[in-house]
């Protein structure tokens, strides 16, 4: 059954016109769902009984089921969710000083196969539907409401999956998230992350939306990138940088470069110097991420001193770099880790 959460407001208005109802009904339903957070048509009391019954017959309003919930000492919340078809997906909330940021998964599993990521332990089964993307936020908001805390204020599509491999659903989700009648999250608080699918980047450019773009780079040359990111065997850094330049001609927005630091692999000062040269013509900043060790992977985290030396080497060369604040290390909050542990236990 189709979820009503898959509908944008204009699409829902068009639906009501088709069935002979006032398009205003769409705004009423959006108010029940996104403002009042009511997820039962029977409770939408300003709709007629007949209309509520018709909605019950034609639409679903189910949210994902929480299989497991973990709360870290730092306030990070990690959820393992089950979709209606039984698929399991992770999402995580990170509490920052500026608000609550949620990391949303875009697919069930991931086919990108990055060597450092637990998400790749499960091959892609399918992309998530719009209502499943929204469901991750709405379920997390329910938890925050129960705790008397502020709702999600920032969204990054940076969990399990490659968002540009599920392009249409991810963009529609972001548009609903941005809609003042829906989640009402500002465009500058919405980010989509890609491992470097140039076709998706160029398509994203043509959307001309004031949303953020993040690139998972993780190496300063093709040789190293190929060792940890299979996509690099198809798309070179030259091709990727060319697409980013095209994107910036239209968007004019600063790009976030995600760079996971792996001990004795890509964390040397020479790597930093090479990275600064590589990105000298890109309007960006680098988000350095000391690797969160994964049981199934054999990568180690650099020392704090080395992480700071790497950052300083970039800053000294005019490339703004920051070290990402770590969240949830005591609850396996990195992408794919909780599902991997759950599946190991079940096995």
C-alpha atoms as a PDB file:
ATOM      1  CA  UNK A   1       0.000   0.000   0.000  1.00  0.00           C
ATOM      2  CA  UNK A   2       1.274   3.468  -0.891  1.00  0.00           C
ATOM      3  CA  UNK A   3       2.489   5.583   2.021  1.00  0.00           C
ATOM      4  CA  UNK A   4       1.006   9.065   2.186  1.00  0.00           C
ATOM      5  CA  UNK A   5       4.470  10.199   3.312  1.00  0.00           C
ATOM      6  CA  UNK A   6       5.663   9.638  -0.276  1.00  0.00           C
ATOM      7  CA  UNK A   7       3.601  12.654  -1.382  1.00  0.00           C
ATOM      8  CA  UNK A   8       4.827  16.214  -1.614  1.00  0.00           C
ATOM      9  CA  UNK A   9       2.243  18.824  -0.693  1.00  0.00           C
ATOM     10  CA  UNK A  10       1.487  19.727  -4.362  1.00  0.00           C
ATOM     11  CA  UNK A  11       1.117  16.008  -5.192  1.00  0.00           C
ATOM     12  CA  UNK A  12      -1.298  15.515  -2.308  1.00  0.00           C
ATOM     13  CA  UNK A  13      -3.290  18.603  -3.331  1.00  0.00           C
ATOM     14  CA  UNK A  14      -3.571  17.175  -6.844  1.00  0.00           C
ATOM     15  CA  UNK A  15      -4.783  13.844  -5.430  1.00  0.00           C
ATOM     16  CA  UNK A  16      -7.612  15.489  -3.484  1.00  0.00           C
ATOM     17  CA  UNK A  17      -8.712  17.447  -6.525  1.00  0.00           C
ATOM     18  CA  UNK A  18      -8.871  14.165  -8.490  1.00  0.00           C
ATOM     19  CA  UNK A  19     -11.208  12.587  -5.932  1.00  0.00           C
ATOM     20  CA  UNK A  20     -13.429  15.644  -5.726  1.00  0.00           C
ATOM     21  CA  UNK A  21     -12.185  16.978  -2.397  1.00  0.00           C
ATOM     22  CA  UNK A  22     -10.817  20.428  -1.623  1.00  0.00           C
ATOM     23  CA  UNK A  23      -7.057  20.702  -2.084  1.00  0.00           C
ATOM     24  CA  UNK A  24      -7.029  22.272   1.393  1.00  0.00           C
ATOM     25  CA  UNK A  25      -7.355  18.732   2.771  1.00  0.00           C
ATOM     26  CA  UNK A  26      -3.700  18.198   1.844  1.00  0.00           C
ATOM     27  CA  UNK A  27      -2.609  21.067   4.087  1.00  0.00           C
ATOM     28  CA  UNK A  28      -4.738  19.672   6.910  1.00  0.00           C
ATOM     29  CA  UNK A  29      -3.106  16.262   6.610  1.00  0.00           C
ATOM     30  CA  UNK A  30       0.371  17.808   6.428  1.00  0.00           C
ATOM     31  CA  UNK A  31      -0.467  19.689   9.623  1.00  0.00           C
ATOM     32  CA  UNK A  32      -1.554  16.489  11.383  1.00  0.00           C
ATOM     33  CA  UNK A  33       1.565  14.598  10.312  1.00  0.00           C
ATOM     34  CA  UNK A  34       4.350  17.155  10.441  1.00  0.00           C
ATOM     35  CA  UNK A  35       3.153  19.598  13.090  1.00  0.00           C
ATOM     36  CA  UNK A  36       0.974  17.534  15.430  1.00  0.00           C
ATOM     37  CA  UNK A  37       2.829  14.277  14.620  1.00  0.00           C
ATOM     38  CA  UNK A  38      -0.346  12.217  14.395  1.00  0.00           C
ATOM     39  CA  UNK A  39       0.134   8.985  12.430  1.00  0.00           C
ATOM     40  CA  UNK A  40      -3.399   7.616  12.425  1.00  0.00           C
ATOM     41  CA  UNK A  41      -6.021   8.808   9.949  1.00  0.00           C
ATOM     42  CA  UNK A  42      -8.742   8.029  12.494  1.00  0.00           C
ATOM     43  CA  UNK A  43      -7.368  10.765  14.774  1.00  0.00           C
ATOM     44  CA  UNK A  44      -7.527  13.475  12.093  1.00  0.00           C
ATOM     45  CA  UNK A  45     -10.767  14.831  13.473  1.00  0.00           C
ATOM     46  CA  UNK A  46     -11.214  17.823  11.145  1.00  0.00           C
ATOM     47  CA  UNK A  47     -11.645  15.390   8.234  1.00  0.00           C
ATOM     48  CA  UNK A  48     -14.977  13.732   7.588  1.00  0.00           C
ATOM     49  CA  UNK A  49     -15.441  10.135   8.704  1.00  0.00           C
ATOM     50  CA  UNK A  50     -15.943   9.113   5.067  1.00  0.00           C
ATOM     51  CA  UNK A  51     -12.676  10.743   3.998  1.00  0.00           C
ATOM     52  CA  UNK A  52     -10.776   9.202   6.891  1.00  0.00           C
ATOM     53  CA  UNK A  53     -12.085   5.775   5.899  1.00  0.00           C
ATOM     54  CA  UNK A  54     -11.061   6.367   2.275  1.00  0.00           C
ATOM     55  CA  UNK A  55      -7.564   7.344   3.393  1.00  0.00           C
ATOM     56  CA  UNK A  56      -7.331   4.226   5.559  1.00  0.00           C
ATOM     57  CA  UNK A  57      -8.260   2.090   2.561  1.00  0.00           C
ATOM     58  CA  UNK A  58      -5.826   3.723   0.135  1.00  0.00           C
ATOM     59  CA  UNK A  59      -2.812   4.847   2.142  1.00  0.00           C
ATOM     60  CA  UNK A  60      -0.404   3.627   4.786  1.00  0.00           C
ATOM     61  CA  UNK A  61       0.943   5.896   7.520  1.00  0.00           C
ATOM     62  CA  UNK A  62       3.242   3.431   9.255  1.00  0.00           C
ATOM     63  CA  UNK A  63       6.650   4.442  10.563  1.00  0.00           C
ATOM     64  CA  UNK A  64       9.651   2.091  10.779  1.00  0.00           C
ATOM     65  CA  UNK A  65       9.786  -0.209  13.786  1.00  0.00           C
ATOM     66  CA  UNK A  66      12.623   0.210  16.286  1.00  0.00           C
ATOM     67  CA  UNK A  67      14.500  -3.092  16.655  1.00  0.00           C
ATOM     68  CA  UNK A  68      17.260  -1.707  18.818  1.00  0.00           C
ATOM     69  CA  UNK A  69      17.991   1.664  20.391  1.00  0.00           C
ATOM     70  CA  UNK A  70      21.273   2.697  21.934  1.00  0.00           C
ATOM     71  CA  UNK A  71      22.157   5.944  23.684  1.00  0.00           C
ATOM     72  CA  UNK A  72      25.809   6.888  24.113  1.00  0.00           C
ATOM     73  CA  UNK A  73      27.377   8.768  27.001  1.00  0.00           C
ATOM     74  CA  UNK A  74      27.699  11.819  24.754  1.00  0.00           C
ATOM     75  CA  UNK A  75      23.966  11.773  23.916  1.00  0.00           C
ATOM     76  CA  UNK A  76      24.250  10.128  20.509  1.00  0.00           C
ATOM     77  CA  UNK A  77      21.228   7.975  19.680  1.00  0.00           C
ATOM     78  CA  UNK A  78      21.650   5.027  17.323  1.00  0.00           C
ATOM     79  CA  UNK A  79      18.633   3.157  15.985  1.00  0.00           C
ATOM     80  CA  UNK A  80      18.315  -0.098  14.111  1.00  0.00           C
ATOM     81  CA  UNK A  81      14.998   0.123  12.274  1.00  0.00           C
ATOM     82  CA  UNK A  82      12.880  -2.449  10.464  1.00  0.00           C
ATOM     83  CA  UNK A  83      10.925  -1.445   7.383  1.00  0.00           C
ATOM     84  CA  UNK A  84       7.587  -3.018   6.407  1.00  0.00           C
ATOM     85  CA  UNK A  85       9.299  -5.612   4.187  1.00  0.00           C
ATOM     86  CA  UNK A  86      11.622  -6.641   7.042  1.00  0.00           C
ATOM     87  CA  UNK A  87      14.649  -4.719   5.740  1.00  0.00           C
ATOM     88  CA  UNK A  88      16.932  -3.377   8.464  1.00  0.00           C
ATOM     89  CA  UNK A  89      18.355   0.138   8.329  1.00  0.00           C
ATOM     90  CA  UNK A  90      20.403   2.247  10.725  1.00  0.00           C
ATOM     91  CA  UNK A  91      20.128   5.914  11.584  1.00  0.00           C
ATOM     92  CA  UNK A  92      21.977   8.015  14.146  1.00  0.00           C
ATOM     93  CA  UNK A  93      21.404  11.336  15.883  1.00  0.00           C
ATOM     94  CA  UNK A  94      24.353  13.515  16.948  1.00  0.00           C
ATOM     95  CA  UNK A  95      23.713  16.340  19.444  1.00  0.00           C
ATOM     96  CA  UNK A  96      25.754  19.417  18.496  1.00  0.00           C
ATOM     97  CA  UNK A  97      25.792  22.833  20.156  1.00  0.00           C
ATOM     98  CA  UNK A  98      23.935  24.210  17.139  1.00  0.00           C
ATOM     99  CA  UNK A  99      21.208  21.521  17.097  1.00  0.00           C
ATOM    100  CA  UNK A 100      20.375  17.871  16.588  1.00  0.00           C
ATOM    101  CA  UNK A 101      21.804  16.381  13.404  1.00  0.00           C
ATOM    102  CA  UNK A 102      20.556  13.066  12.034  1.00  0.00           C
ATOM    103  CA  UNK A 103      22.534  10.806   9.725  1.00  0.00           C
ATOM    104  CA  UNK A 104      20.049   9.129   7.397  1.00  0.00           C
ATOM    105  CA  UNK A 105      20.613   5.926   5.415  1.00  0.00           C
ATOM    106  CA  UNK A 106      19.594   5.994   1.753  1.00  0.00           C
ATOM    107  CA  UNK A 107      19.672   2.292   0.866  1.00  0.00           C
ATOM    108  CA  UNK A 108      19.259  -1.180   2.324  1.00  0.00           C
ATOM    109  CA  UNK A 109      22.893  -2.246   2.115  1.00  0.00           C
ATOM    110  CA  UNK A 110      25.489  -0.618  -0.119  1.00  0.00           C
ATOM    111  CA  UNK A 111      27.205  -1.667  -3.348  1.00  0.00           C
ATOM    112  CA  UNK A 112      30.043   0.859  -3.220  1.00  0.00           C
ATOM    113  CA  UNK A 113      32.239  -1.560  -1.253  1.00  0.00           C
ATOM    114  CA  UNK A 114      34.491   0.990   0.481  1.00  0.00           C
ATOM    115  CA  UNK A 115      37.096  -1.014   2.372  1.00  0.00           C
ATOM    116  CA  UNK A 116      36.860   0.965   5.618  1.00  0.00           C
ATOM    117  CA  UNK A 117      33.061   0.949   5.961  1.00  0.00           C
ATOM    118  CA  UNK A 118      30.851  -1.575   7.758  1.00  0.00           C
ATOM    119  CA  UNK A 119      27.937  -0.670   5.458  1.00  0.00           C
ATOM    120  CA  UNK A 120      29.621  -2.556   2.632  1.00  0.00           C
ATOM    121  CA  UNK A 121      29.383  -5.804   4.611  1.00  0.00           C
ATOM    122  CA  UNK A 122      25.804  -5.966   3.277  1.00  0.00           C
ATOM    123  CA  UNK A 123      25.363  -5.626  -0.475  1.00  0.00           C
ATOM    124  CA  UNK A 124      22.656  -3.303  -1.720  1.00  0.00           C
ATOM    125  CA  UNK A 125      19.204  -4.861  -1.789  1.00  0.00           C
ATOM    126  CA  UNK A 126      17.272  -1.750  -2.812  1.00  0.00           C
ATOM    127  CA  UNK A 127      17.023   1.974  -2.407  1.00  0.00           C
ATOM    128  CA  UNK A 128      14.847   3.337   0.385  1.00  0.00           C
ATOM    129  CA  UNK A 129      11.518   4.903  -0.535  1.00  0.00           C
ATOM    130  CA  UNK A 130      10.728   8.513   0.361  1.00  0.00           C
ATOM    131  CA  UNK A 131       8.525   7.476   3.296  1.00  0.00           C
ATOM    132  CA  UNK A 132      11.332   5.276   4.635  1.00  0.00           C
ATOM    133  CA  UNK A 133      13.779   8.180   4.491  1.00  0.00           C
ATOM    134  CA  UNK A 134      11.282  10.459   6.228  1.00  0.00           C
ATOM    135  CA  UNK A 135      10.449   7.684   8.681  1.00  0.00           C
ATOM    136  CA  UNK A 136      13.988   7.726  10.048  1.00  0.00           C
ATOM    137  CA  UNK A 137      13.594  11.390  10.986  1.00  0.00           C
ATOM    138  CA  UNK A 138      10.055  11.067  12.304  1.00  0.00           C
ATOM    139  CA  UNK A 139      10.899   8.102  14.544  1.00  0.00           C
ATOM    140  CA  UNK A 140      13.915   9.962  15.912  1.00  0.00           C
ATOM    141  CA  UNK A 141      11.741  13.030  16.538  1.00  0.00           C
ATOM    142  CA  UNK A 142       9.307  10.875  18.524  1.00  0.00           C
ATOM    143  CA  UNK A 143      12.172   9.837  20.795  1.00  0.00           C
ATOM    144  CA  UNK A 144      13.296  13.443  21.191  1.00  0.00           C
ATOM    145  CA  UNK A 145       9.724  14.556  21.950  1.00  0.00           C
ATOM    146  CA  UNK A 146       9.456  11.906  24.667  1.00  0.00           C
ATOM    147  CA  UNK A 147      12.723  13.157  26.177  1.00  0.00           C
ATOM    148  CA  UNK A 148      11.549  16.775  26.078  1.00  0.00           C
ATOM    149  CA  UNK A 149      14.348  17.697  23.667  1.00  0.00           C
ATOM    150  CA  UNK A 150      14.405  19.724  20.467  1.00  0.00           C
ATOM    151  CA  UNK A 151      13.568  17.909  17.262  1.00  0.00           C
ATOM    152  CA  UNK A 152      15.983  17.191  14.428  1.00  0.00           C
ATOM    153  CA  UNK A 153      17.363  20.455  13.013  1.00  0.00           C
ATOM    154  CA  UNK A 154      19.975  19.158  10.532  1.00  0.00           C
ATOM    155  CA  UNK A 155      19.911  16.225   8.112  1.00  0.00           C
ATOM    156  CA  UNK A 156      22.838  14.541   6.388  1.00  0.00           C
ATOM    157  CA  UNK A 157      22.215  11.673   3.977  1.00  0.00           C
ATOM    158  CA  UNK A 158      25.466   9.990   4.884  1.00  0.00           C
ATOM    159  CA  UNK A 159      24.446   6.671   6.414  1.00  0.00           C
ATOM    160  CA  UNK A 160      24.317   3.291   4.695  1.00  0.00           C
ATOM    161  CA  UNK A 161      24.098   3.509   0.912  1.00  0.00           C
ATOM    162  CA  UNK A 162      25.079   5.872  -1.886  1.00  0.00           C
ATOM    163  CA  UNK A 163      22.450   8.653  -2.131  1.00  0.00           C
ATOM    164  CA  UNK A 164      23.106   9.381  -5.811  1.00  0.00           C
ATOM    165  CA  UNK A 165      22.418   5.699  -6.503  1.00  0.00           C
ATOM    166  CA  UNK A 166      18.902   6.437  -5.178  1.00  0.00           C
ATOM    167  CA  UNK A 167      18.772   9.943  -6.586  1.00  0.00           C
ATOM    168  CA  UNK A 168      15.065  10.625  -7.137  1.00  0.00           C
ATOM    169  CA  UNK A 169      13.915   9.425  -3.721  1.00  0.00           C
ATOM    170  CA  UNK A 170      16.703  11.240  -1.875  1.00  0.00           C
ATOM    171  CA  UNK A 171      16.020  14.551  -3.629  1.00  0.00           C
ATOM    172  CA  UNK A 172      12.279  14.281  -3.044  1.00  0.00           C
ATOM    173  CA  UNK A 173      12.954  13.513   0.623  1.00  0.00           C
ATOM    174  CA  UNK A 174      15.139  16.610   0.964  1.00  0.00           C
ATOM    175  CA  UNK A 175      12.505  18.775  -0.693  1.00  0.00           C
ATOM    176  CA  UNK A 176       9.858  17.554   1.776  1.00  0.00           C
ATOM    177  CA  UNK A 177      12.300  18.045   4.654  1.00  0.00           C
ATOM    178  CA  UNK A 178      12.826  21.628   3.478  1.00  0.00           C
ATOM    179  CA  UNK A 179       9.113  22.382   2.962  1.00  0.00           C
ATOM    180  CA  UNK A 180       7.891  24.875   5.638  1.00  0.00           C
ATOM    181  CA  UNK A 181       4.635  22.878   5.825  1.00  0.00           C
ATOM    182  CA  UNK A 182       6.535  19.634   6.435  1.00  0.00           C
ATOM    183  CA  UNK A 183       9.760  19.235   8.445  1.00  0.00           C
ATOM    184  CA  UNK A 184      10.660  22.898   7.839  1.00  0.00           C
ATOM    185  CA  UNK A 185      14.416  22.339   7.978  1.00  0.00           C
ATOM    186  CA  UNK A 186      16.428  25.089   6.286  1.00  0.00           C
ATOM    187  CA  UNK A 187      18.219  24.262   3.049  1.00  0.00           C
ATOM    188  CA  UNK A 188      21.592  25.130   4.566  1.00  0.00           C
ATOM    189  CA  UNK A 189      20.927  22.452   7.188  1.00  0.00           C
ATOM    190  CA  UNK A 190      20.429  19.715   4.564  1.00  0.00           C
ATOM    191  CA  UNK A 191      23.395  17.803   3.137  1.00  0.00           C
ATOM    192  CA  UNK A 192      23.715  14.972   0.658  1.00  0.00           C
ATOM    193  CA  UNK A 193      26.947  12.994   0.543  1.00  0.00           C
ATOM    194  CA  UNK A 194      28.349  10.975  -2.352  1.00  0.00           C
ATOM    195  CA  UNK A 195      31.427   8.831  -2.828  1.00  0.00           C
ATOM    196  CA  UNK A 196      31.913  10.603  -6.135  1.00  0.00           C
ATOM    197  CA  UNK A 197      29.261   9.621  -8.679  1.00  0.00           C
ATOM    198  CA  UNK A 198      29.906  12.349 -11.235  1.00  0.00           C
ATOM    199  CA  UNK A 199      26.637  11.791 -13.093  1.00  0.00           C
ATOM    200  CA  UNK A 200      24.746  12.449  -9.874  1.00  0.00           C
ATOM    201  CA  UNK A 201      26.843  15.532  -9.070  1.00  0.00           C
ATOM    202  CA  UNK A 202      26.109  17.064 -12.478  1.00  0.00           C
ATOM    203  CA  UNK A 203      22.416  16.244 -12.152  1.00  0.00           C
ATOM    204  CA  UNK A 204      22.405  17.762  -8.662  1.00  0.00           C
ATOM    205  CA  UNK A 205      23.969  20.899 -10.146  1.00  0.00           C
ATOM    206  CA  UNK A 206      20.996  21.316 -12.453  1.00  0.00           C
ATOM    207  CA  UNK A 207      18.540  21.186  -9.532  1.00  0.00           C
ATOM    208  CA  UNK A 208      19.776  24.650  -8.547  1.00  0.00           C
ATOM    209  CA  UNK A 209      18.782  24.048  -4.935  1.00  0.00           C
ATOM    210  CA  UNK A 210      20.615  25.753  -2.041  1.00  0.00           C
ATOM    211  CA  UNK A 211      21.411  22.384  -0.445  1.00  0.00           C
ATOM    212  CA  UNK A 212      24.842  21.233   0.701  1.00  0.00           C
ATOM    213  CA  UNK A 213      27.077  18.722  -1.049  1.00  0.00           C
ATOM    214  CA  UNK A 214      29.675  16.519   0.646  1.00  0.00           C
ATOM    215  CA  UNK A 215      32.210  14.308  -1.109  1.00  0.00           C
ATOM    216  CA  UNK A 216      33.748  11.191   0.423  1.00  0.00           C
ATOM    217  CA  UNK A 217      37.303  11.521  -0.862  1.00  0.00           C
ATOM    218  CA  UNK A 218      39.552   9.716   1.646  1.00  0.00           C
ATOM    219  CA  UNK A 219      42.725   9.772  -0.473  1.00  0.00           C
ATOM    220  CA  UNK A 220      44.843  12.354  -2.257  1.00  0.00           C
ATOM    221  CA  UNK A 221      45.686  10.278  -5.343  1.00  0.00           C
ATOM    222  CA  UNK A 222      44.036   7.676  -7.550  1.00  0.00           C
ATOM    223  CA  UNK A 223      46.366   4.854  -6.557  1.00  0.00           C
ATOM    224  CA  UNK A 224      45.455   4.997  -2.867  1.00  0.00           C
ATOM    225  CA  UNK A 225      41.812   5.758  -3.543  1.00  0.00           C
ATOM    226  CA  UNK A 226      41.480   2.632  -5.679  1.00  0.00           C
ATOM    227  CA  UNK A 227      42.761   0.545  -2.780  1.00  0.00           C
ATOM    228  CA  UNK A 228      39.926   1.548  -0.472  1.00  0.00           C
ATOM    229  CA  UNK A 229      37.141   2.792  -2.796  1.00  0.00           C
ATOM    230  CA  UNK A 230      36.129   0.633  -5.804  1.00  0.00           C
ATOM    231  CA  UNK A 231      34.362   3.625  -7.407  1.00  0.00           C
ATOM    232  CA  UNK A 232      37.835   5.098  -8.039  1.00  0.00           C
ATOM    233  CA  UNK A 233      38.466   2.353 -10.600  1.00  0.00           C
ATOM    234  CA  UNK A 234      35.649   3.799 -12.703  1.00  0.00           C
ATOM    235  CA  UNK A 235      35.867   7.513 -11.899  1.00  0.00           C
ATOM    236  CA  UNK A 236      39.264   9.154 -11.554  1.00  0.00           C
ATOM    237  CA  UNK A 237      40.031  12.097  -9.313  1.00  0.00           C
ATOM    238  CA  UNK A 238      40.438  14.275 -12.414  1.00  0.00           C
ATOM    239  CA  UNK A 239      36.911  13.374 -13.524  1.00  0.00           C
ATOM    240  CA  UNK A 240      35.556  13.951 -10.031  1.00  0.00           C
ATOM    241  CA  UNK A 241      37.229  17.349  -9.643  1.00  0.00           C
ATOM    242  CA  UNK A 242      35.988  18.391 -13.083  1.00  0.00           C
ATOM    243  CA  UNK A 243      32.410  17.592 -12.033  1.00  0.00           C
ATOM    244  CA  UNK A 244      32.860  19.512  -8.766  1.00  0.00           C
ATOM    245  CA  UNK A 245      34.065  22.574 -10.675  1.00  0.00           C
ATOM    246  CA  UNK A 246      31.019  22.366 -12.943  1.00  0.00           C
ATOM    247  CA  UNK A 247      28.794  22.087  -9.886  1.00  0.00           C
ATOM    248  CA  UNK A 248      30.351  25.155  -8.295  1.00  0.00           C
ATOM    249  CA  UNK A 249      29.930  27.259 -11.423  1.00  0.00           C
ATOM    250  CA  UNK A 250      26.188  26.921 -10.916  1.00  0.00           C
ATOM    251  CA  UNK A 251      25.816  26.436  -7.171  1.00  0.00           C
ATOM    252  CA  UNK A 252      28.553  28.770  -5.963  1.00  0.00           C
ATOM    253  CA  UNK A 253      28.515  26.850  -2.708  1.00  0.00           C
ATOM    254  CA  UNK A 254      31.363  25.516  -0.636  1.00  0.00           C
ATOM    255  CA  UNK A 255      31.742  21.742  -0.789  1.00  0.00           C
ATOM    256  CA  UNK A 256      32.554  19.581   2.209  1.00  0.00           C
ATOM    257  CA  UNK A 257      35.356  17.099   1.588  1.00  0.00           C
ATOM    258  CA  UNK A 258      35.112  14.087   3.887  1.00  0.00           C
ATOM    259  CA  UNK A 259      38.481  12.488   4.580  1.00  0.00           C
ATOM    260  CA  UNK A 260      38.787   9.432   6.819  1.00  0.00           C
ATOM    261  CA  UNK A 261      42.221   9.210   8.407  1.00  0.00           C
ATOM    262  CA  UNK A 262      43.670   5.681   8.474  1.00  0.00           C
ATOM    263  CA  UNK A 263      46.880   5.007  10.336  1.00  0.00           C
ATOM    264  CA  UNK A 264      49.928   4.482   8.103  1.00  0.00           C
ATOM    265  CA  UNK A 265      47.827   4.664   4.942  1.00  0.00           C
ATOM    266  CA  UNK A 266      46.628   8.206   4.202  1.00  0.00           C
ATOM    267  CA  UNK A 267      47.610  10.167   7.316  1.00  0.00           C
ATOM    268  CA  UNK A 268      51.148  11.344   6.556  1.00  0.00           C
ATOM    269  CA  UNK A 269      52.200  14.963   6.091  1.00  0.00           C
ATOM    270  CA  UNK A 270      53.044  14.043   2.488  1.00  0.00           C
ATOM    271  CA  UNK A 271      49.410  12.974   2.058  1.00  0.00           C
ATOM    272  CA  UNK A 272      48.277  16.306   3.483  1.00  0.00           C
ATOM    273  CA  UNK A 273      50.525  18.277   1.129  1.00  0.00           C
ATOM    274  CA  UNK A 274      49.251  16.275  -1.844  1.00  0.00           C
ATOM    275  CA  UNK A 275      45.639  16.801  -0.733  1.00  0.00           C
ATOM    276  CA  UNK A 276      46.142  20.562  -0.464  1.00  0.00           C
ATOM    277  CA  UNK A 277      47.523  20.662  -4.017  1.00  0.00           C
ATOM    278  CA  UNK A 278      44.693  18.495  -5.311  1.00  0.00           C
ATOM    279  CA  UNK A 279      41.981  20.771  -3.895  1.00  0.00           C
ATOM    280  CA  UNK A 280      43.620  24.158  -4.498  1.00  0.00           C
ATOM    281  CA  UNK A 281      41.049  25.145  -7.153  1.00  0.00           C
ATOM    282  CA  UNK A 282      37.984  23.849  -5.293  1.00  0.00           C
ATOM    283  CA  UNK A 283      35.996  26.070  -2.933  1.00  0.00           C
ATOM    284  CA  UNK A 284      35.791  23.636  -0.041  1.00  0.00           C
ATOM    285  CA  UNK A 285      36.741  22.715   3.461  1.00  0.00           C
ATOM    286  CA  UNK A 286      37.998  19.350   4.669  1.00  0.00           C
ATOM    287  CA  UNK A 287      36.266  17.416   7.419  1.00  0.00           C
ATOM    288  CA  UNK A 288      38.842  15.058   8.907  1.00  0.00           C
ATOM    289  CA  UNK A 289      37.440  11.863  10.403  1.00  0.00           C
ATOM    290  CA  UNK A 290      39.745   9.599  12.426  1.00  0.00           C
ATOM    291  CA  UNK A 291      38.539   6.139  11.482  1.00  0.00           C
ATOM    292  CA  UNK A 292      36.126   4.420  13.808  1.00  0.00           C
ATOM    293  CA  UNK A 293      37.564   0.871  13.884  1.00  0.00           C
ATOM    294  CA  UNK A 294      35.261  -1.852  12.530  1.00  0.00           C
ATOM    295  CA  UNK A 295      35.542  -5.413  13.821  1.00  0.00           C
ATOM    296  CA  UNK A 296      35.503  -6.892  10.307  1.00  0.00           C
ATOM    297  CA  UNK A 297      38.091  -4.447   8.924  1.00  0.00           C
ATOM    298  CA  UNK A 298      41.805  -4.182   9.614  1.00  0.00           C
ATOM    299  CA  UNK A 299      42.256  -0.404   9.773  1.00  0.00           C
ATOM    300  CA  UNK A 300      43.554   1.512  12.755  1.00  0.00           C
ATOM    301  CA  UNK A 301      43.047   5.058  13.966  1.00  0.00           C
ATOM    302  CA  UNK A 302      46.023   7.481  13.908  1.00  0.00           C
ATOM    303  CA  UNK A 303      47.162   9.064  17.154  1.00  0.00           C
ATOM    304  CA  UNK A 304      45.589  12.357  18.165  1.00  0.00           C
ATOM    305  CA  UNK A 305      48.931  14.065  17.572  1.00  0.00           C
ATOM    306  CA  UNK A 306      49.060  12.785  13.999  1.00  0.00           C
ATOM    307  CA  UNK A 307      45.461  13.847  13.346  1.00  0.00           C
ATOM    308  CA  UNK A 308      46.254  17.379  14.534  1.00  0.00           C
ATOM    309  CA  UNK A 309      49.490  17.481  12.528  1.00  0.00           C
ATOM    310  CA  UNK A 310      47.570  16.513   9.399  1.00  0.00           C
ATOM    311  CA  UNK A 311      44.967  19.226  10.014  1.00  0.00           C
ATOM    312  CA  UNK A 312      47.647  21.848  10.681  1.00  0.00           C
ATOM    313  CA  UNK A 313      49.480  20.915   7.480  1.00  0.00           C
ATOM    314  CA  UNK A 314      46.317  21.575   5.476  1.00  0.00           C
ATOM    315  CA  UNK A 315      45.549  24.849   7.257  1.00  0.00           C
ATOM    316  CA  UNK A 316      49.104  26.078   6.731  1.00  0.00           C
ATOM    317  CA  UNK A 317      48.606  25.598   2.991  1.00  0.00           C
ATOM    318  CA  UNK A 318      45.397  27.608   2.890  1.00  0.00           C
ATOM    319  CA  UNK A 319      42.991  24.679   2.953  1.00  0.00           C
ATOM    320  CA  UNK A 320      40.496  25.037   5.782  1.00  0.00           C
ATOM    321  CA  UNK A 321      40.283  21.784   7.716  1.00  0.00           C
ATOM    322  CA  UNK A 322      38.511  20.706  10.874  1.00  0.00           C
ATOM    323  CA  UNK A 323      38.435  17.489  12.862  1.00  0.00           C
ATOM    324  CA  UNK A 324      34.979  16.019  13.172  1.00  0.00           C
ATOM    325  CA  UNK A 325      33.741  15.696  16.710  1.00  0.00           C
ATOM    326  CA  UNK A 326      33.446  12.023  17.541  1.00  0.00           C
ATOM    327  CA  UNK A 327      30.082  10.636  18.551  1.00  0.00           C
ATOM    328  CA  UNK A 328      28.852   7.317  19.849  1.00  0.00           C
ATOM    329  CA  UNK A 329      32.092   5.350  19.939  1.00  0.00           C
ATOM    330  CA  UNK A 330      30.725   3.361  22.899  1.00  0.00           C
ATOM    331  CA  UNK A 331      27.588   2.255  20.994  1.00  0.00           C
ATOM    332  CA  UNK A 332      29.046   1.363  17.563  1.00  0.00           C
ATOM    333  CA  UNK A 333      27.557   4.434  15.923  1.00  0.00           C
ATOM    334  CA  UNK A 334      29.549   4.302  12.685  1.00  0.00           C
ATOM    335  CA  UNK A 335      27.636   3.380   9.505  1.00  0.00           C
ATOM    336  CA  UNK A 336      26.648  -0.264   9.418  1.00  0.00           C
ATOM    337  CA  UNK A 337      28.195  -1.268  12.737  1.00  0.00           C
ATOM    338  CA  UNK A 338      25.000  -1.829  14.705  1.00  0.00           C
ATOM    339  CA  UNK A 339      23.378  -3.869  11.946  1.00  0.00           C
ATOM    340  CA  UNK A 340      26.562  -5.902  11.540  1.00  0.00           C
ATOM    341  CA  UNK A 341      26.604  -6.710  15.247  1.00  0.00           C
ATOM    342  CA  UNK A 342      22.891  -7.521  15.254  1.00  0.00           C
ATOM    343  CA  UNK A 343      23.297  -9.905  12.315  1.00  0.00           C
ATOM    344  CA  UNK A 344      26.314 -11.582  13.979  1.00  0.00           C
ATOM    345  CA  UNK A 345      24.273 -12.128  17.150  1.00  0.00           C
ATOM    346  CA  UNK A 346      21.289 -13.463  15.187  1.00  0.00           C
ATOM    347  CA  UNK A 347      23.567 -15.837  13.273  1.00  0.00           C
END
